[in-house]
Amino acid sequence: MPLPDNNAPWPPPHLAKTLAEIRIDDAWYSGDHAKLTAAYRTEPTRRDGTARLWGRRRAPQAGKRDTRLHIPLAGDIATTSADLLFSEPPTFTVTDRATQDRLDELTDADGIANTLLESAEIAAALGGVYLRVTWDHALVGRPLLTIVHPDAAVPEFSFGLLRAVTFWHELAADGATVLRHLERHEPGRILHALYQGSADNLGRRVPLTEHPAVAPLADALGPDGESIETGIGQLTAAYVRNIGPNRKHRGSPLGRSDYAAPLYDLFDALDTTWTSWIRDIRLARARLIIPDAYLRDHGPGRGASFDDDREIWQLLNIPPTEQGGITLSQFAIRVDEHERSAEAATRQAVRSAGYSAQTFGIGDQVAATATEVKARERKSMTTRGKKTRYYSPPLGDMLHVMLLLDQRMFTPGITPERPRTVFGDTVAEDAATLAQTLSLLQQAQAVSVDTKVRMIHPEWDEAAVQAEVGRILTETGQAVPDPMQAGALV
């Protein structure tokens, strides 16, 4: 399918509902007051008829600030999801030694661990994310793995698999004129075009040289004047679903946000609770109610004031009435009620998102072993396991694409293959527990030196493991002169 025609409506109308839902997810994820207010401008009440905190239509009174308080639980959920997946970088392995060395170099130099951490956070908040492989010879001598947010893409799926995708990026917006760069990924090629239009219309196509950000692409285009051949048959982009299925749109290939519709009301209820709590604190500030006679007159037109820091007062000529004294006014703060309400809303929100309350620091804070931590956070670990299964296939595809492009453009000596991905452990086993486990396995004669070294140092490569095994066998007198027989004692 070619790039869009001139004057096509943009974004495409068939994405209107999806993009509207993503805007609400984005508003909660960002925590921006303006975005939240705009998101609920047309839906000021919940389904039960109660008013939404962020559905308020009237602006605060002149001279007064907006006292609504936002608790960034939505952002915390997205960050926690990413941490569970990629706080420990995954390992990627292939069978060919030279290819493995180059893959290690690519993943280290390109900062792929950070890219994946960011992508997982976006996927949790917005329901999915796109991984894209690109390159720039003038910038760096290797392929690059980048991410694209789901509200900047027009995907095309077949049987749940991505067959093509068009990314767009607004390069400039001047009043009614918007300049957009469209980048379409198809198997074997990438198409580029620049359009000058309006906020809701793609407008007419203009040369890439019209904007400096994409002008260098003009020299790389093929004979058709719009595409760059990749030289490989694979698609250079992949879609990662956060988790499935999409409950609101059954059968949709798009993923489901961690927030999903039921959490919106819980987020709003949590903000309402905290706003009420802070209002109690604000109203509970001590105030003095005093008679007019206690005020010091500063002269005509200059008003009057009461100095509450003054320690010595002269006699005041005040009528001896019951209402003539100073009255202290201070309201109670309903701490317990607000705290329990806020914690209940938080617990339900994180549970509905698929996580254990302990993951967010709610509950028992007593020190525990790694095994106990995993038992307490079983729900979070289950959700993590689901998400790794959604992440592995597209991530493996894009790493394979990186190796294919690297062989074609930068490192011809490697043999590309699809890497095997192993996700890092979220909770490291403490040394005492691990030592006890190894001791029991050793007594049962059910573990080799090689396995013990790998259990203690899972991050080591093959060379480091074998070197350590050799040192242990030598020190314990188990080493043999013939290295061909060393494996028998390992």
Protein backbone atom coordinates (compact mmCIF):
# COMPACT_ATOMS: atom_id res chain seq x y z
CA MET A 1 0.00 0.00 0.00
CA PRO A 2 1.42 3.41 -0.92
CA LEU A 3 1.72 6.48 1.25
CA PRO A 4 -1.52 8.44 1.82
CA ASP A 5 -2.95 10.67 -0.89
CA ASN A 6 -2.92 14.44 -0.64
CA ASN A 7 -5.57 16.05 1.58
CA ALA A 8 -6.35 12.82 3.42
CA PRO A 9 -7.94 13.33 6.87
CA TRP A 10 -5.32 12.92 9.58
CA PRO A 11 -5.11 11.06 11.86
CA PRO A 12 -7.05 8.45 9.89
CA PRO A 13 -10.73 8.36 10.97
CA HIS A 14 -10.68 4.63 11.77
CA LEU A 15 -8.19 5.36 14.57
CA ALA A 16 -10.32 8.06 16.21
CA LYS A 17 -11.71 5.85 18.99
CA THR A 18 -8.34 4.22 19.72
CA LEU A 19 -6.54 7.58 19.87
CA ALA A 20 -9.25 9.02 22.13
CA GLU A 21 -8.73 6.17 24.59
CA ILE A 22 -4.95 6.60 24.43
CA ARG A 23 -5.39 10.32 25.23
CA ILE A 24 -7.12 9.41 28.50
CA ASP A 25 -4.38 6.89 29.37
CA ASP A 26 -1.77 9.52 28.52
CA ALA A 27 -3.48 12.11 30.71
CA TRP A 28 -3.31 9.83 33.77
CA TYR A 29 0.22 8.70 32.92
CA SER A 30 1.50 12.26 32.55
CA GLY A 31 -0.24 13.51 35.70
CA ASP A 32 -0.67 16.89 34.02
CA HIS A 33 -3.61 18.85 35.42
CA ALA A 34 -4.41 20.48 32.08
CA LYS A 35 -4.45 17.13 30.26
CA LEU A 36 -6.67 15.54 32.91
CA THR A 37 -9.13 18.43 32.79
CA ALA A 38 -9.20 18.33 28.98
CA ALA A 39 -9.67 14.54 28.95
CA TYR A 40 -12.84 14.77 31.05
CA ARG A 41 -14.25 18.03 29.72
CA THR A 42 -16.99 16.12 27.88
CA GLU A 43 -17.46 13.51 30.67
CA PRO A 44 -17.68 15.49 33.93
CA THR A 45 -19.50 12.71 35.82
CA ARG A 46 -19.01 9.00 36.42
CA ARG A 47 -21.55 6.40 35.36
CA ASP A 48 -23.18 6.52 38.80
CA GLY A 49 -23.79 10.24 38.39
CA THR A 50 -21.16 11.46 40.87
CA ALA A 51 -18.96 14.31 39.71
CA ARG A 52 -15.39 13.59 38.65
CA LEU A 53 -12.72 15.62 40.38
CA TRP A 54 -11.12 16.27 36.97
CA GLY A 55 -14.48 16.90 35.28
CA ARG A 56 -14.84 20.30 36.92
CA ARG A 57 -15.80 22.81 34.25
CA ARG A 58 -15.53 26.06 36.19
CA ALA A 59 -12.09 27.56 36.61
CA PRO A 60 -10.96 28.51 40.13
CA GLN A 61 -11.88 32.00 41.32
CA ALA A 62 -9.64 34.84 40.28
CA GLY A 63 -6.61 35.13 42.54
CA LYS A 64 -7.01 31.58 43.87
CA ARG A 65 -5.06 28.57 42.74
CA ASP A 66 -6.49 25.21 41.70
CA THR A 67 -6.53 23.18 44.93
CA ARG A 68 -7.11 19.79 43.27
CA LEU A 69 -4.30 17.36 44.10
CA HIS A 70 -3.11 14.58 41.78
CA ILE A 71 -1.44 11.46 43.18
CA PRO A 72 0.75 9.95 40.41
CA LEU A 73 -0.33 6.33 41.00
CA ALA A 74 -0.82 5.78 37.25
CA GLY A 75 2.76 6.80 36.57
CA ASP A 76 3.97 4.61 39.44
CA ILE A 77 2.16 1.60 37.96
CA ALA A 78 3.80 2.12 34.56
CA THR A 79 7.24 2.55 36.13
CA THR A 80 6.79 -0.54 38.31
CA SER A 81 5.77 -2.60 35.28
CA ALA A 82 8.94 -1.55 33.46
CA ASP A 83 11.09 -2.25 36.52
CA LEU A 84 9.67 -5.76 36.86
CA LEU A 85 10.58 -6.49 33.25
CA PHE A 86 13.89 -4.72 32.70
CA SER A 87 15.36 -3.48 35.99
CA GLU A 88 17.89 -6.25 35.37
CA PRO A 89 18.96 -6.17 31.69
CA PRO A 90 18.04 -9.27 29.67
CA THR A 91 20.71 -11.43 28.06
CA PHE A 92 20.77 -12.22 24.34
CA THR A 93 22.61 -15.26 23.00
CA VAL A 94 23.34 -16.77 19.58
CA THR A 95 25.34 -19.85 18.64
CA ASP A 96 28.01 -18.21 16.46
CA ARG A 97 30.93 -16.78 18.48
CA ALA A 98 31.66 -13.83 16.17
CA THR A 99 27.98 -12.95 15.96
CA GLN A 100 27.68 -13.15 19.75
CA ASP A 101 30.57 -10.73 20.17
CA ARG A 102 28.98 -8.29 17.73
CA LEU A 103 25.56 -8.68 19.39
CA ASP A 104 27.10 -7.89 22.78
CA GLU A 105 28.70 -4.83 21.26
CA LEU A 106 25.44 -3.68 19.69
CA THR A 107 23.36 -4.15 22.81
CA ASP A 108 25.94 -2.47 25.05
CA ALA A 109 26.85 0.45 22.81
CA ASP A 110 23.29 1.19 21.79
CA GLY A 111 22.01 1.29 25.36
CA ILE A 112 19.33 -1.24 24.52
CA ALA A 113 18.68 -1.94 28.21
CA ASN A 114 17.55 1.67 28.71
CA THR A 115 15.56 1.65 25.47
CA LEU A 116 13.68 -1.46 26.61
CA LEU A 117 13.06 0.02 30.06
CA GLU A 118 11.49 3.10 28.48
CA SER A 119 9.49 1.05 25.99
CA ALA A 120 8.02 -1.13 28.76
CA GLU A 121 6.86 1.93 30.69
CA ILE A 122 5.15 3.38 27.60
CA ALA A 123 3.56 0.00 26.80
CA ALA A 124 2.14 -0.33 30.32
CA ALA A 125 0.61 3.14 30.18
CA LEU A 126 -0.66 3.24 26.58
CA GLY A 127 -1.32 -0.44 25.87
CA GLY A 128 1.60 -1.13 23.56
CA VAL A 129 4.71 0.25 21.92
CA TYR A 130 6.56 -0.09 18.62
CA LEU A 131 10.17 -1.19 18.31
CA ARG A 132 11.86 0.20 15.22
CA VAL A 133 15.28 -0.52 13.71
CA THR A 134 16.93 2.25 11.74
CA TRP A 135 20.42 3.52 10.89
CA ASP A 136 22.36 6.69 10.14
CA HIS A 137 25.82 6.26 8.64
CA ALA A 138 26.70 9.87 9.45
CA LEU A 139 25.79 9.42 13.11
CA VAL A 140 27.10 5.99 14.14
CA GLY A 141 28.41 2.82 12.52
CA ARG A 142 25.72 0.40 13.67
CA PRO A 143 21.96 -0.15 13.43
CA LEU A 144 19.84 1.55 16.08
CA LEU A 145 16.90 0.19 18.06
CA THR A 146 14.37 2.95 18.78
CA ILE A 147 10.81 3.15 20.10
CA VAL A 148 7.67 4.82 18.71
CA HIS A 149 4.61 5.58 20.84
CA PRO A 150 1.32 3.95 19.77
CA ASP A 151 -0.46 7.28 19.22
CA ALA A 152 1.99 8.13 16.44
CA ALA A 153 1.44 5.03 14.30
CA VAL A 154 -1.04 3.63 11.77
CA PRO A 155 -0.62 -0.17 11.93
CA GLU A 156 -1.80 -2.82 9.49
CA PHE A 157 -2.34 -6.32 10.88
CA SER A 158 -3.04 -9.69 9.31
CA PHE A 159 -4.09 -12.54 11.61
CA GLY A 160 -2.78 -10.57 14.55
CA LEU A 161 0.65 -10.04 12.96
CA LEU A 162 2.01 -6.65 11.94
CA ARG A 163 2.55 -6.56 8.18
CA ALA A 164 3.18 -2.80 7.76
CA VAL A 165 3.06 0.39 9.81
CA THR A 166 3.19 4.12 9.10
CA PHE A 167 4.75 6.36 11.73
CA TRP A 168 4.16 10.11 11.73
CA HIS A 169 5.85 13.00 13.42
CA GLU A 170 4.88 16.67 13.49
CA LEU A 171 8.00 18.63 12.60
CA ALA A 172 6.50 22.11 12.75
CA ALA A 173 3.19 23.78 13.51
CA ASP A 174 2.66 27.44 12.67
CA GLY A 175 -0.88 28.55 13.30
CA ALA A 176 -3.11 26.64 10.92
CA THR A 177 -0.23 24.94 9.08
CA VAL A 178 1.26 21.62 10.21
CA LEU A 179 4.30 19.93 8.65
CA ARG A 180 4.31 16.13 9.10
CA HIS A 181 6.90 13.50 8.28
CA LEU A 182 5.47 10.08 7.44
CA GLU A 183 7.67 6.99 7.62
CA ARG A 184 6.13 3.79 6.32
CA HIS A 185 7.76 0.41 7.07
CA GLU A 186 7.07 -2.47 4.70
CA PRO A 187 9.00 -5.74 4.28
CA GLY A 188 12.16 -4.86 2.37
CA ARG A 189 11.76 -1.08 2.28
CA ILE A 190 11.02 2.13 4.20
CA LEU A 191 9.06 4.96 2.58
CA HIS A 192 9.43 8.63 3.52
CA ALA A 193 7.29 11.64 2.69
CA LEU A 194 6.69 15.18 3.95
CA TYR A 195 3.20 16.71 4.01
CA GLN A 196 2.09 20.27 4.63
CA GLY A 197 -1.45 20.44 5.95
CA SER A 198 -3.59 21.40 8.92
CA ALA A 199 -4.44 19.97 12.34
CA ASP A 200 -6.93 17.48 10.89
CA ASN A 201 -5.84 17.24 7.24
CA LEU A 202 -2.64 15.76 5.83
CA GLY A 203 -2.49 18.39 3.12
CA ARG A 204 -0.23 18.24 0.10
CA ARG A 205 3.03 16.42 -0.32
CA VAL A 206 6.18 18.57 -0.42
CA PRO A 207 9.88 17.68 -0.97
CA LEU A 208 11.79 16.30 2.02
CA THR A 209 14.26 19.14 1.58
CA GLU A 210 11.60 21.55 2.92
CA HIS A 211 12.64 20.72 6.50
CA PRO A 212 16.25 20.25 7.75
CA ALA A 213 15.32 17.34 10.04
CA VAL A 214 14.47 15.06 7.10
CA ALA A 215 16.39 16.72 4.28
CA PRO A 216 19.31 14.19 4.46
CA LEU A 217 16.84 11.39 3.62
CA ALA A 218 16.30 12.84 0.15
CA ASP A 219 19.74 11.67 -1.03
CA ALA A 220 19.09 8.09 0.16
CA LEU A 221 15.80 7.59 -1.70
CA GLY A 222 15.68 5.05 -4.51
CA PRO A 223 14.58 5.53 -8.15
CA ASP A 224 10.92 5.86 -7.13
CA GLY A 225 11.79 8.98 -5.13
CA GLU A 226 10.07 7.86 -1.91
CA SER A 227 11.56 4.61 -0.61
CA ILE A 228 14.81 3.21 0.77
CA GLU A 229 15.49 -0.47 0.15
CA THR A 230 16.66 -2.30 3.28
CA GLY A 231 18.09 -5.31 1.44
CA ILE A 232 16.38 -7.77 3.80
CA GLY A 233 12.97 -9.39 3.61
CA GLN A 234 11.94 -8.71 7.22
CA LEU A 235 9.87 -5.80 8.47
CA THR A 236 12.03 -3.26 10.30
CA ALA A 237 9.38 -2.51 12.93
CA ALA A 238 7.43 -4.61 15.43
CA TYR A 239 4.50 -4.03 17.77
CA VAL A 240 4.75 -5.09 21.41
CA ARG A 241 1.45 -5.58 23.17
CA ASN A 242 1.53 -4.69 26.84
CA ILE A 243 -0.84 -7.52 27.67
CA GLY A 244 -3.92 -9.08 26.11
CA PRO A 245 -6.68 -9.45 25.33
CA ASN A 246 -8.08 -5.99 24.72
CA ARG A 247 -11.20 -6.25 26.87
CA LYS A 248 -12.90 -3.20 25.39
CA HIS A 249 -12.34 -4.26 21.77
CA ARG A 250 -12.42 -8.04 21.63
CA GLY A 251 -10.44 -9.46 18.75
CA SER A 252 -8.31 -6.33 18.42
CA PRO A 253 -4.57 -6.99 17.89
CA LEU A 254 -3.79 -3.94 20.03
CA GLY A 255 -2.74 -4.43 23.63
CA ARG A 256 -4.46 -3.42 26.84
CA SER A 257 -3.21 -0.63 29.07
CA ASP A 258 -2.51 -1.44 32.72
CA TYR A 259 -5.04 1.26 33.53
CA ALA A 260 -7.94 -0.15 31.47
CA ALA A 261 -11.29 1.60 31.99
CA PRO A 262 -12.11 0.41 35.57
CA LEU A 263 -9.02 2.11 36.99
CA TYR A 264 -9.95 5.60 35.80
CA ASP A 265 -12.61 5.97 38.49
CA LEU A 266 -10.25 4.61 41.14
CA PHE A 267 -7.59 7.12 40.15
CA ASP A 268 -10.17 9.91 40.32
CA ALA A 269 -11.40 8.66 43.72
CA LEU A 270 -7.84 8.60 45.05
CA ASP A 271 -7.24 12.18 43.90
CA THR A 272 -10.57 13.22 45.42
CA THR A 273 -9.59 11.66 48.75
CA TRP A 274 -6.21 13.36 48.86
CA THR A 275 -7.70 16.69 47.75
CA SER A 276 -10.20 16.45 50.63
CA TRP A 277 -7.41 15.50 53.05
CA ILE A 278 -5.27 18.48 52.08
CA ARG A 279 -8.37 20.71 52.28
CA ASP A 280 -8.83 19.55 55.90
CA ILE A 281 -5.22 20.48 56.61
CA ARG A 282 -5.67 23.84 54.95
CA LEU A 283 -8.87 24.62 56.85
CA ALA A 284 -7.40 23.41 60.14
CA ARG A 285 -4.81 26.15 60.27
CA ALA A 286 -5.27 28.06 63.55
CA ARG A 287 -7.11 31.36 63.11
CA LEU A 288 -7.82 34.15 65.63
CA ILE A 289 -11.23 35.79 65.65
CA ILE A 290 -10.83 39.25 67.23
CA PRO A 291 -13.01 42.32 67.80
CA ASP A 292 -12.57 45.32 65.55
CA ALA A 293 -11.25 47.29 68.52
CA TYR A 294 -8.17 45.03 68.64
CA LEU A 295 -7.01 46.21 65.23
CA ARG A 296 -4.36 48.93 64.97
CA ASP A 297 -5.56 51.73 62.71
CA HIS A 298 -2.86 52.85 60.26
CA GLY A 299 -4.63 56.05 59.30
CA PRO A 300 -7.16 57.12 56.70
CA GLY A 301 -6.99 54.95 53.60
CA ARG A 302 -4.19 52.76 55.01
CA GLY A 303 -6.31 50.05 56.65
CA ALA A 304 -5.80 48.28 59.96
CA SER A 305 -3.92 45.19 61.18
CA PHE A 306 -3.50 42.86 64.14
CA ASP A 307 0.03 41.88 65.23
CA ASP A 308 -0.24 38.28 66.49
CA ASP A 309 3.50 38.14 67.29
CA ARG A 310 3.40 41.02 69.78
CA GLU A 311 4.23 39.92 73.35
CA ILE A 312 3.41 43.03 75.45
CA TRP A 313 0.10 44.84 75.12
CA GLN A 314 -1.06 48.06 76.72
CA LEU A 315 -4.54 48.28 78.27
CA LEU A 316 -7.27 48.25 75.64
CA ASN A 317 -10.45 50.28 76.01
CA ILE A 318 -12.90 47.46 75.18
CA PRO A 319 -16.49 47.15 76.38
CA PRO A 320 -16.64 44.31 78.95
CA THR A 321 -18.93 42.03 76.95
CA GLU A 322 -18.81 38.26 76.57
CA GLN A 323 -17.91 38.56 72.90
CA GLY A 324 -15.07 41.01 73.39
CA GLY A 325 -12.20 38.54 73.75
CA ILE A 326 -9.93 36.71 71.30
CA THR A 327 -11.34 33.38 70.03
CA LEU A 328 -9.16 30.57 68.62
CA SER A 329 -10.70 28.71 65.66
CA GLN A 330 -9.12 25.40 64.57
CA PHE A 331 -10.90 22.49 62.84
CA ALA A 332 -10.03 18.83 63.27
CA ILE A 333 -8.14 16.92 60.55
CA ARG A 334 -9.75 13.59 59.66
CA VAL A 335 -6.43 11.80 59.21
CA ASP A 336 -7.53 8.22 59.89
CA GLU A 337 -10.58 8.34 57.61
CA HIS A 338 -8.64 9.83 54.71
CA GLU A 339 -5.67 7.52 55.14
CA ARG A 340 -7.79 4.36 55.15
CA SER A 341 -9.82 5.55 52.17
CA ALA A 342 -6.68 6.41 50.18
CA GLU A 343 -5.02 3.08 50.98
CA ALA A 344 -8.14 1.13 50.02
CA ALA A 345 -8.36 2.93 46.67
CA THR A 346 -4.66 2.34 46.05
CA ARG A 347 -4.85 -1.35 46.93
CA GLN A 348 -7.80 -1.91 44.62
CA ALA A 349 -6.17 0.03 41.78
CA VAL A 350 -2.88 -1.89 41.85
CA ARG A 351 -4.75 -5.19 42.25
CA SER A 352 -6.93 -4.40 39.22
CA ALA A 353 -3.77 -3.50 37.28
CA GLY A 354 -2.38 -6.98 38.03
CA TYR A 355 0.07 -6.32 40.85
CA SER A 356 0.49 -7.12 44.53
CA ALA A 357 0.14 -4.34 47.08
CA GLN A 358 3.57 -5.30 48.50
CA THR A 359 5.17 -4.33 45.18
CA PHE A 360 4.14 -0.74 45.90
CA GLY A 361 5.29 -0.79 49.51
CA ILE A 362 1.81 -1.36 50.93
CA GLY A 363 1.63 -3.93 53.70
CA ASP A 364 4.24 -5.80 55.73
CA GLN A 365 7.65 -4.10 55.54
CA VAL A 366 9.50 -6.76 57.57
CA ALA A 367 12.76 -7.96 56.00
CA ALA A 368 12.34 -11.16 54.00
CA THR A 369 14.34 -13.56 51.88
CA ALA A 370 14.04 -13.56 48.09
CA THR A 371 11.80 -16.64 48.25
CA GLU A 372 9.45 -14.93 50.73
CA VAL A 373 9.38 -11.75 48.66
CA LYS A 374 8.37 -13.72 45.56
CA ALA A 375 5.65 -15.51 47.53
CA ARG A 376 4.21 -12.21 48.78
CA GLU A 377 4.37 -10.67 45.31
CA ARG A 378 3.03 -13.68 43.42
CA LYS A 379 0.42 -11.64 41.55
CA SER A 380 3.08 -9.19 40.33
CA MET A 381 5.35 -12.05 39.29
CA THR A 382 2.49 -13.67 37.38
CA THR A 383 1.80 -10.43 35.52
CA ARG A 384 5.51 -10.08 34.79
CA GLY A 385 5.59 -13.60 33.36
CA LYS A 386 2.70 -12.77 31.03
CA LYS A 387 4.35 -9.61 29.81
CA THR A 388 7.67 -11.32 29.08
CA ARG A 389 5.83 -13.71 26.77
CA TYR A 390 4.36 -10.77 24.87
CA TYR A 391 7.75 -9.03 24.70
CA SER A 392 10.01 -11.92 23.64
CA PRO A 393 8.82 -12.55 20.02
CA PRO A 394 8.90 -8.94 18.72
CA LEU A 395 12.11 -8.20 20.60
CA GLY A 396 13.79 -11.28 19.12
CA ASP A 397 12.59 -10.25 15.66
CA MET A 398 14.07 -6.76 15.96
CA LEU A 399 17.41 -8.02 17.27
CA HIS A 400 17.53 -10.39 14.30
CA VAL A 401 16.79 -7.46 11.99
CA MET A 402 19.59 -5.48 13.63
CA LEU A 403 22.06 -8.30 12.93
CA LEU A 404 20.83 -8.64 9.33
CA LEU A 405 21.22 -4.92 8.67
CA ASP A 406 24.55 -4.87 10.49
CA GLN A 407 25.87 -7.64 8.26
CA ARG A 408 24.71 -5.85 5.14
CA MET A 409 25.92 -2.36 6.06
CA PHE A 410 28.58 -2.51 8.78
CA THR A 411 29.93 -5.97 9.74
CA PRO A 412 29.86 -8.41 6.79
CA GLY A 413 31.75 -11.14 8.69
CA ILE A 414 28.94 -12.12 11.07
CA THR A 415 26.31 -14.83 10.61
CA PRO A 416 22.93 -13.35 11.62
CA GLU A 417 20.48 -15.50 13.57
CA ARG A 418 17.54 -14.85 15.82
CA PRO A 419 18.85 -14.38 19.37
CA ARG A 420 17.51 -16.18 22.40
CA THR A 421 16.28 -13.76 25.07
CA VAL A 422 16.52 -14.48 28.80
CA PHE A 423 14.90 -11.91 31.10
CA GLY A 424 16.78 -10.99 34.26
CA ASP A 425 15.52 -11.98 37.70
CA THR A 426 13.61 -9.27 39.56
CA VAL A 427 14.67 -10.40 43.04
CA ALA A 428 18.21 -11.60 43.59
CA GLU A 429 18.66 -14.54 45.95
CA ASP A 430 20.58 -13.57 49.08
CA ALA A 431 24.03 -15.12 49.50
CA ALA A 432 23.18 -17.13 52.65
CA THR A 433 20.13 -18.80 51.07
CA LEU A 434 22.01 -19.55 47.85
CA ALA A 435 24.96 -21.04 49.77
CA GLN A 436 22.62 -23.27 51.76
CA THR A 437 20.93 -24.46 48.56
CA LEU A 438 24.26 -25.29 46.91
CA SER A 439 25.42 -27.10 50.05
CA LEU A 440 22.34 -29.33 50.06
CA LEU A 441 22.75 -30.07 46.35
CA GLN A 442 26.42 -30.89 46.90
CA GLN A 443 25.59 -33.32 49.73
CA ALA A 444 23.09 -35.03 47.46
CA GLN A 445 25.77 -35.18 44.71
CA ALA A 446 23.24 -33.58 42.41
CA VAL A 447 25.21 -30.58 41.15
CA SER A 448 28.48 -30.07 39.25
CA VAL A 449 31.10 -27.38 39.76
CA ASP A 450 30.09 -25.84 36.46
CA THR A 451 26.45 -25.57 37.53
CA LYS A 452 27.38 -24.10 40.91
CA VAL A 453 29.48 -21.39 39.27
CA ARG A 454 26.63 -20.53 36.90
CA MET A 455 24.13 -20.33 39.78
CA ILE A 456 26.37 -17.97 41.75
CA HIS A 457 27.34 -15.84 38.73
CA PRO A 458 24.47 -15.98 36.20
CA GLU A 459 25.77 -12.82 34.50
CA TRP A 460 29.14 -14.40 33.52
CA ASP A 461 29.84 -15.47 29.96
CA GLU A 462 31.09 -18.92 28.97
CA ALA A 463 34.78 -18.00 29.10
CA ALA A 464 34.53 -16.57 32.62
CA VAL A 465 32.59 -19.61 33.85
CA GLN A 466 35.13 -22.08 32.47
CA ALA A 467 38.04 -20.08 33.90
CA GLU A 468 36.47 -20.13 37.36
CA VAL A 469 35.69 -23.85 37.08
CA GLY A 470 39.32 -24.51 36.19
CA ARG A 471 40.58 -22.54 39.19
CA ILE A 472 38.24 -24.39 41.56
CA LEU A 473 39.25 -27.82 40.22
CA THR A 474 42.93 -26.93 40.50
CA GLU A 475 42.63 -25.67 44.08
CA THR A 476 40.65 -28.73 45.16
CA GLY A 477 43.02 -31.15 43.40
CA GLN A 478 40.38 -32.39 40.97
CA ALA A 479 41.99 -31.01 37.82
CA VAL A 480 43.31 -33.53 35.28
CA PRO A 481 46.30 -33.09 32.93
CA ASP A 482 44.31 -33.93 29.80
CA PRO A 483 41.91 -31.02 29.08
CA MET A 484 39.78 -33.37 26.93
CA GLN A 485 38.82 -35.19 30.15
CA ALA A 486 38.10 -32.09 32.20
CA GLY A 487 34.43 -32.23 31.44
CA ALA A 488 34.16 -35.59 33.20
CA LEU A 489 35.08 -33.99 36.54
CA VAL A 490 33.06 -30.83 36.06
